[in-house]
PDB file of N, CA and C in Angstrom:
ATOM      1  N   MET A   1      -2.109  33.873   8.200  1.00  0.00           N
ATOM      2  CA  MET A   1      -1.903  31.823   7.721  1.00  0.00           C
ATOM      3  C   MET A   1      -2.474  31.886   8.543  1.00  0.00           C
ATOM      4  N   ALA A   2      -1.908  31.312   9.476  1.00  0.00           N
ATOM      5  CA  ALA A   2      -2.583  30.444  10.791  1.00  0.00           C
ATOM      6  C   ALA A   2      -3.911  30.475  10.861  1.00  0.00           C
ATOM      7  N   GLU A   3      -4.649  31.266  11.162  1.00  0.00           N
ATOM      8  CA  GLU A   3      -5.641  30.999  11.201  1.00  0.00           C
ATOM      9  C   GLU A   3      -7.266  30.819  10.185  1.00  0.00           C
ATOM     10  N   ALA A   4      -5.707  31.144   9.168  1.00  0.00           N
ATOM     11  CA  ALA A   4      -7.495  30.822   7.715  1.00  0.00           C
ATOM     12  C   ALA A   4      -7.133  29.801   7.424  1.00  0.00           C
ATOM     13  N   TRP A   5      -5.748  29.219   7.745  1.00  0.00           N
ATOM     14  CA  TRP A   5      -6.072  27.465   7.569  1.00  0.00           C
ATOM     15  C   TRP A   5      -6.477  27.523   8.938  1.00  0.00           C
ATOM     16  N   LEU A   6      -6.648  27.396  10.283  1.00  0.00           N
ATOM     17  CA  LEU A   6      -7.809  26.464  11.394  1.00  0.00           C
ATOM     18  C   LEU A   6      -8.935  26.718  10.305  1.00  0.00           C
ATOM     19  N   VAL A   7      -9.215  28.291   9.848  1.00  0.00           N
ATOM     20  CA  VAL A   7     -10.412  27.902   9.107  1.00  0.00           C
ATOM     21  C   VAL A   7     -11.324  27.264   8.592  1.00  0.00           C
ATOM     22  N   GLN A   8     -10.490  27.092   7.735  1.00  0.00           N
ATOM     23  CA  GLN A   8      -9.931  26.004   6.390  1.00  0.00           C
ATOM     24  C   GLN A   8     -10.279  24.270   7.253  1.00  0.00           C
ATOM     25  N   MET A   9      -9.870  24.381   7.896  1.00  0.00           N
ATOM     26  CA  MET A   9      -9.552  22.600   8.950  1.00  0.00           C
ATOM     27  C   MET A   9     -11.529  22.681   9.700  1.00  0.00           C
ATOM     28  N   GLU A  10     -11.844  23.474   9.570  1.00  0.00           N
ATOM     29  CA  GLU A  10     -13.218  24.083  10.771  1.00  0.00           C
ATOM     30  C   GLU A  10     -14.244  23.823   9.014  1.00  0.00           C
ATOM     31  N   GLU A  11     -13.427  24.591   8.324  1.00  0.00           N
ATOM     32  CA  GLU A  11     -14.596  24.215   7.469  1.00  0.00           C
ATOM     33  C   GLU A  11     -14.732  22.436   7.520  1.00  0.00           C
ATOM     34  N   LEU A  12     -13.840  22.319   7.059  1.00  0.00           N
ATOM     35  CA  LEU A  12     -14.099  21.008   6.155  1.00  0.00           C
ATOM     36  C   LEU A  12     -14.343  19.812   6.865  1.00  0.00           C
ATOM     37  N   PHE A  13     -14.171  19.824   8.624  1.00  0.00           N
ATOM     38  CA  PHE A  13     -14.516  19.072   9.302  1.00  0.00           C
ATOM     39  C   PHE A  13     -16.409  19.124   9.449  1.00  0.00           C
ATOM     40  N   ASP A  14     -17.157  20.828  10.056  1.00  0.00           N
ATOM     41  CA  ASP A  14     -18.202  20.630   9.394  1.00  0.00           C
ATOM     42  C   ASP A  14     -18.659  19.691   8.504  1.00  0.00           C
ATOM     43  N   THR A  15     -18.159  20.288   7.223  1.00  0.00           N
ATOM     44  CA  THR A  15     -18.803  19.474   6.020  1.00  0.00           C
ATOM     45  C   THR A  15     -18.560  18.186   5.688  1.00  0.00           C
ATOM     46  N   LEU A  16     -17.507  17.801   6.139  1.00  0.00           N
ATOM     47  CA  LEU A  16     -17.801  16.301   6.557  1.00  0.00           C
ATOM     48  C   LEU A  16     -17.822  15.514   7.686  1.00  0.00           C
ATOM     49  N   GLU A  17     -19.205  16.326   8.494  1.00  0.00           N
ATOM     50  CA  GLU A  17     -18.784  16.550   9.514  1.00  0.00           C
ATOM     51  C   GLU A  17     -18.682  14.820  10.844  1.00  0.00           C
ATOM     52  N   TYR A  18     -17.174  15.690  10.882  1.00  0.00           N
ATOM     53  CA  TYR A  18     -16.009  14.596  12.224  1.00  0.00           C
ATOM     54  C   TYR A  18     -16.325  15.099  12.917  1.00  0.00           C
ATOM     55  N   ALA A  19     -16.612  14.560  14.144  1.00  0.00           N
ATOM     56  CA  ALA A  19     -16.838  14.399  15.273  1.00  0.00           C
ATOM     57  C   ALA A  19     -15.073  14.877  16.197  1.00  0.00           C
ATOM     58  N   PRO A  20     -15.713  15.429  16.619  1.00  0.00           N
ATOM     59  CA  PRO A  20     -14.688  16.632  18.046  1.00  0.00           C
ATOM     60  C   PRO A  20     -13.646  16.022  18.249  1.00  0.00           C
ATOM     61  N   GLU A  21     -13.580  14.399  19.050  1.00  0.00           N
ATOM     62  CA  GLU A  21     -12.078  13.402  18.615  1.00  0.00           C
ATOM     63  C   GLU A  21     -11.896  13.501  17.582  1.00  0.00           C
ATOM     64  N   LYS A  22     -12.228  13.450  16.667  1.00  0.00           N
ATOM     65  CA  LYS A  22     -11.038  12.929  15.641  1.00  0.00           C
ATOM     66  C   LYS A  22     -10.629  13.700  14.395  1.00  0.00           C
ATOM     67  N   ARG A  23     -11.119  15.453  15.567  1.00  0.00           N
ATOM     68  CA  ARG A  23     -10.316  16.955  14.241  1.00  0.00           C
ATOM     69  C   ARG A  23      -9.304  16.689  14.800  1.00  0.00           C
ATOM     70  N   LEU A  24      -8.741  16.997  15.945  1.00  0.00           N
ATOM     71  CA  LEU A  24      -7.435  17.084  16.080  1.00  0.00           C
ATOM     72  C   LEU A  24      -6.347  16.084  15.070  1.00  0.00           C
ATOM     73  N   LYS A  25      -6.740  14.794  15.066  1.00  0.00           N
ATOM     74  CA  LYS A  25      -6.270  13.605  14.330  1.00  0.00           C
ATOM     75  C   LYS A  25      -6.160  13.984  12.861  1.00  0.00           C
ATOM     76  N   LEU A  26      -6.887  14.626  12.282  1.00  0.00           N
ATOM     77  CA  LEU A  26      -7.510  14.349  11.039  1.00  0.00           C
ATOM     78  C   LEU A  26      -6.079  16.061  10.317  1.00  0.00           C
ATOM     79  N   ALA A  27      -6.949  17.110  11.044  1.00  0.00           N
ATOM     80  CA  ALA A  27      -5.076  18.658  11.272  1.00  0.00           C
ATOM     81  C   ALA A  27      -4.093  18.270  11.376  1.00  0.00           C
ATOM     82  N   VAL A  28      -3.555  16.960  12.134  1.00  0.00           N
ATOM     83  CA  VAL A  28      -1.509  17.308  12.365  1.00  0.00           C
ATOM     84  C   VAL A  28      -1.858  16.373  11.132  1.00  0.00           C
ATOM     85  N   LEU A  29      -2.349  15.191  11.007  1.00  0.00           N
ATOM     86  CA  LEU A  29      -1.913  15.003   8.931  1.00  0.00           C
ATOM     87  C   LEU A  29      -2.167  16.000   8.426  1.00  0.00           C
ATOM     88  N   GLN A  30      -2.480  16.302   8.187  1.00  0.00           N
ATOM     89  CA  GLN A  30      -2.284  17.568   7.404  1.00  0.00           C
ATOM     90  C   GLN A  30      -1.111  18.430   7.420  1.00  0.00           C
ATOM     91  N   LEU A  31      -0.270  18.251   8.012  1.00  0.00           N
ATOM     92  CA  LEU A  31       0.474  19.738   8.713  1.00  0.00           C
ATOM     93  C   LEU A  31       1.851  18.678   8.325  1.00  0.00           C
ATOM     94  N   ARG A  32       3.085  19.614   7.308  1.00  0.00           N
ATOM     95  CA  ARG A  32       4.038  19.777   6.350  1.00  0.00           C
ATOM     96  C   ARG A  32       5.239  20.211   6.964  1.00  0.00           C
ATOM     97  N   ASP A  33       6.463  19.776   7.262  1.00  0.00           N
ATOM     98  CA  ASP A  33       7.975  20.134   7.397  1.00  0.00           C
ATOM     99  C   ASP A  33       7.722  20.507   8.668  1.00  0.00           C
ATOM    100  N   VAL A  34       8.241  22.128   8.205  1.00  0.00           N
ATOM    101  CA  VAL A  34       8.793  22.942   9.556  1.00  0.00           C
ATOM    102  C   VAL A  34       7.055  22.331  10.864  1.00  0.00           C
ATOM    103  N   ALA A  35       6.031  22.785  10.966  1.00  0.00           N
ATOM    104  CA  ALA A  35       4.480  22.550  11.038  1.00  0.00           C
ATOM    105  C   ALA A  35       4.804  21.666  11.781  1.00  0.00           C
ATOM    106  N   GLN A  36       4.889  20.264  10.544  1.00  0.00           N
ATOM    107  CA  GLN A  36       5.432  19.101  11.147  1.00  0.00           C
ATOM    108  C   GLN A  36       6.256  19.048  12.618  1.00  0.00           C
ATOM    109  N   ARG A  37       7.212  19.460  12.111  1.00  0.00           N
ATOM    110  CA  ARG A  37       8.435  19.169  13.890  1.00  0.00           C
ATOM    111  C   ARG A  37       8.211  20.242  14.541  1.00  0.00           C
ATOM    112  N   TRP A  38       7.195  20.798  14.617  1.00  0.00           N
ATOM    113  CA  TRP A  38       6.663  22.234  15.812  1.00  0.00           C
ATOM    114  C   TRP A  38       5.936  21.144  16.796  1.00  0.00           C
ATOM    115  N   TRP A  39       4.665  20.824  15.549  1.00  0.00           N
ATOM    116  CA  TRP A  39       4.433  20.091  16.535  1.00  0.00           C
ATOM    117  C   TRP A  39       4.306  18.338  16.969  1.00  0.00           C
ATOM    118  N   ARG A  40       5.197  17.715  16.261  1.00  0.00           N
ATOM    119  CA  ARG A  40       5.833  16.499  17.548  1.00  0.00           C
ATOM    120  C   ARG A  40       6.336  16.998  18.945  1.00  0.00           C
ATOM    121  N   GLY A  41       7.543  17.913  18.628  1.00  0.00           N
ATOM    122  CA  GLY A  41       7.530  18.419  19.633  1.00  0.00           C
ATOM    123  C   GLY A  41       7.057  19.279  20.978  1.00  0.00           C
ATOM    124  N   THR A  42       5.995  19.987  20.419  1.00  0.00           N
ATOM    125  CA  THR A  42       4.970  20.183  21.199  1.00  0.00           C
ATOM    126  C   THR A  42       4.306  19.581  21.832  1.00  0.00           C
ATOM    127  N   SER A  43       3.904  18.677  20.901  1.00  0.00           N
ATOM    128  CA  SER A  43       3.205  17.060  20.982  1.00  0.00           C
ATOM    129  C   SER A  43       3.552  16.870  22.979  1.00  0.00           C
ATOM    130  N   ARG A  44       5.046  16.492  22.599  1.00  0.00           N
ATOM    131  CA  ARG A  44       5.407  15.630  23.812  1.00  0.00           C
ATOM    132  C   ARG A  44       5.410  16.473  24.378  1.00  0.00           C
ATOM    133  N   ILE A  45       5.587  18.139  24.261  1.00  0.00           N
ATOM    134  CA  ILE A  45       5.659  18.574  25.871  1.00  0.00           C
ATOM    135  C   ILE A  45       4.383  19.176  26.341  1.00  0.00           C
ATOM    136  N   LEU A  46       3.807  18.954  25.907  1.00  0.00           N
ATOM    137  CA  LEU A  46       2.403  18.816  26.703  1.00  0.00           C
ATOM    138  C   LEU A  46       1.866  17.505  27.546  1.00  0.00           C
ATOM    139  N   ARG A  47       1.639  16.619  26.012  1.00  0.00           N
ATOM    140  CA  ARG A  47       1.787  15.000  27.440  1.00  0.00           C
ATOM    141  C   ARG A  47       2.679  14.744  28.394  1.00  0.00           C
ATOM    142  N   ASP A  48       3.941  15.451  28.045  1.00  0.00           N
ATOM    143  CA  ASP A  48       5.094  15.061  29.613  1.00  0.00           C
ATOM    144  C   ASP A  48       4.124  16.414  30.828  1.00  0.00           C
ATOM    145  N   SER A  49       4.163  17.001  29.951  1.00  0.00           N
ATOM    146  CA  SER A  49       3.579  17.382  31.456  1.00  0.00           C
ATOM    147  C   SER A  49       1.806  17.366  31.952  1.00  0.00           C
ATOM    148  N   GLY A  50       1.532  16.430  30.955  1.00  0.00           N
ATOM    149  CA  GLY A  50       0.332  15.883  31.630  1.00  0.00           C
ATOM    150  C   GLY A  50      -0.614  16.375  31.293  1.00  0.00           C
ATOM    151  N   ALA A  51      -1.297  17.228  30.360  1.00  0.00           N
ATOM    152  CA  ALA A  51      -2.149  18.220  29.545  1.00  0.00           C
ATOM    153  C   ALA A  51      -2.684  17.252  28.411  1.00  0.00           C
ATOM    154  N   VAL A  52      -3.688  16.896  28.289  1.00  0.00           N
ATOM    155  CA  VAL A  52      -5.020  16.858  27.798  1.00  0.00           C
ATOM    156  C   VAL A  52      -5.005  16.901  26.379  1.00  0.00           C
ATOM    157  N   ILE A  53      -4.164  16.383  25.252  1.00  0.00           N
ATOM    158  CA  ILE A  53      -4.338  17.361  24.272  1.00  0.00           C
ATOM    159  C   ILE A  53      -5.876  17.273  23.250  1.00  0.00           C
ATOM    160  N   THR A  54      -6.246  18.165  23.065  1.00  0.00           N
ATOM    161  CA  THR A  54      -7.346  18.391  22.473  1.00  0.00           C
ATOM    162  C   THR A  54      -7.561  18.913  20.935  1.00  0.00           C
ATOM    163  N   TRP A  55      -8.743  19.333  20.422  1.00  0.00           N
ATOM    164  CA  TRP A  55      -8.158  19.805  19.070  1.00  0.00           C
ATOM    165  C   TRP A  55      -8.328  21.788  20.216  1.00  0.00           C
ATOM    166  N   GLU A  56      -9.114  22.085  20.456  1.00  0.00           N
ATOM    167  CA  GLU A  56      -9.181  23.098  21.033  1.00  0.00           C
ATOM    168  C   GLU A  56      -7.283  23.611  21.361  1.00  0.00           C
ATOM    169  N   SER A  57      -6.558  22.591  21.966  1.00  0.00           N
ATOM    170  CA  SER A  57      -5.354  22.975  22.296  1.00  0.00           C
ATOM    171  C   SER A  57      -4.568  22.843  21.337  1.00  0.00           C
ATOM    172  N   PHE A  58      -4.382  22.236  20.668  1.00  0.00           N
ATOM    173  CA  PHE A  58      -4.004  22.630  19.772  1.00  0.00           C
ATOM    174  C   PHE A  58      -4.041  23.681  18.651  1.00  0.00           C
ATOM    175  N   CYS A  59      -5.702  24.287  17.851  1.00  0.00           N
ATOM    176  CA  CYS A  59      -5.711  25.424  18.388  1.00  0.00           C
ATOM    177  C   CYS A  59      -4.949  27.067  18.645  1.00  0.00           C
ATOM    178  N   GLU A  60      -4.339  26.727  19.662  1.00  0.00           N
ATOM    179  CA  GLU A  60      -4.926  27.894  21.077  1.00  0.00           C
ATOM    180  C   GLU A  60      -2.774  27.478  20.851  1.00  0.00           C
ATOM    181  N   ALA A  61      -2.188  26.134  20.576  1.00  0.00           N
ATOM    182  CA  ALA A  61      -0.777  26.098  20.333  1.00  0.00           C
ATOM    183  C   ALA A  61      -0.679  26.554  18.947  1.00  0.00           C
ATOM    184  N   PHE A  62      -1.092  26.122  17.702  1.00  0.00           N
ATOM    185  CA  PHE A  62      -1.110  26.440  16.734  1.00  0.00           C
ATOM    186  C   PHE A  62      -1.035  28.194  16.484  1.00  0.00           C
ATOM    187  N   ARG A  63      -2.032  28.519  17.444  1.00  0.00           N
ATOM    188  CA  ARG A  63      -2.277  30.382  16.950  1.00  0.00           C
ATOM    189  C   ARG A  63      -1.106  30.766  17.322  1.00  0.00           C
ATOM    190  N   GLU A  64      -0.802  30.506  19.328  1.00  0.00           N
ATOM    191  CA  GLU A  64       1.252  30.675  19.790  1.00  0.00           C
ATOM    192  C   GLU A  64       1.510  30.384  18.415  1.00  0.00           C
ATOM    193  N   GLU A  65       2.067  29.902  17.878  1.00  0.00           N
ATOM    194  CA  GLU A  65       3.633  29.707  16.919  1.00  0.00           C
ATOM    195  C   GLU A  65       3.296  30.048  15.721  1.00  0.00           C
ATOM    196  N   TYR A  66       2.349  30.386  15.373  1.00  0.00           N
ATOM    197  CA  TYR A  66       2.204  30.477  14.325  1.00  0.00           C
ATOM    198  C   TYR A  66       0.908  32.178  13.610  1.00  0.00           C
TER     199      TYR A  66
END
């Protein structure tokens, strides 16, 4: 399920020619309910640890969780 969602997002990004730096923002806007709460907590932890959050790091964390 998670992989299918990520593939759909990638297809959308490619179709709309979204720049890599905008992909994370659009993906986060698509999250709902539990996934939205998960990302709020996960992104806070990543930022607090000094990590740079990118689309790639989002995908990695998303795959680990879902």
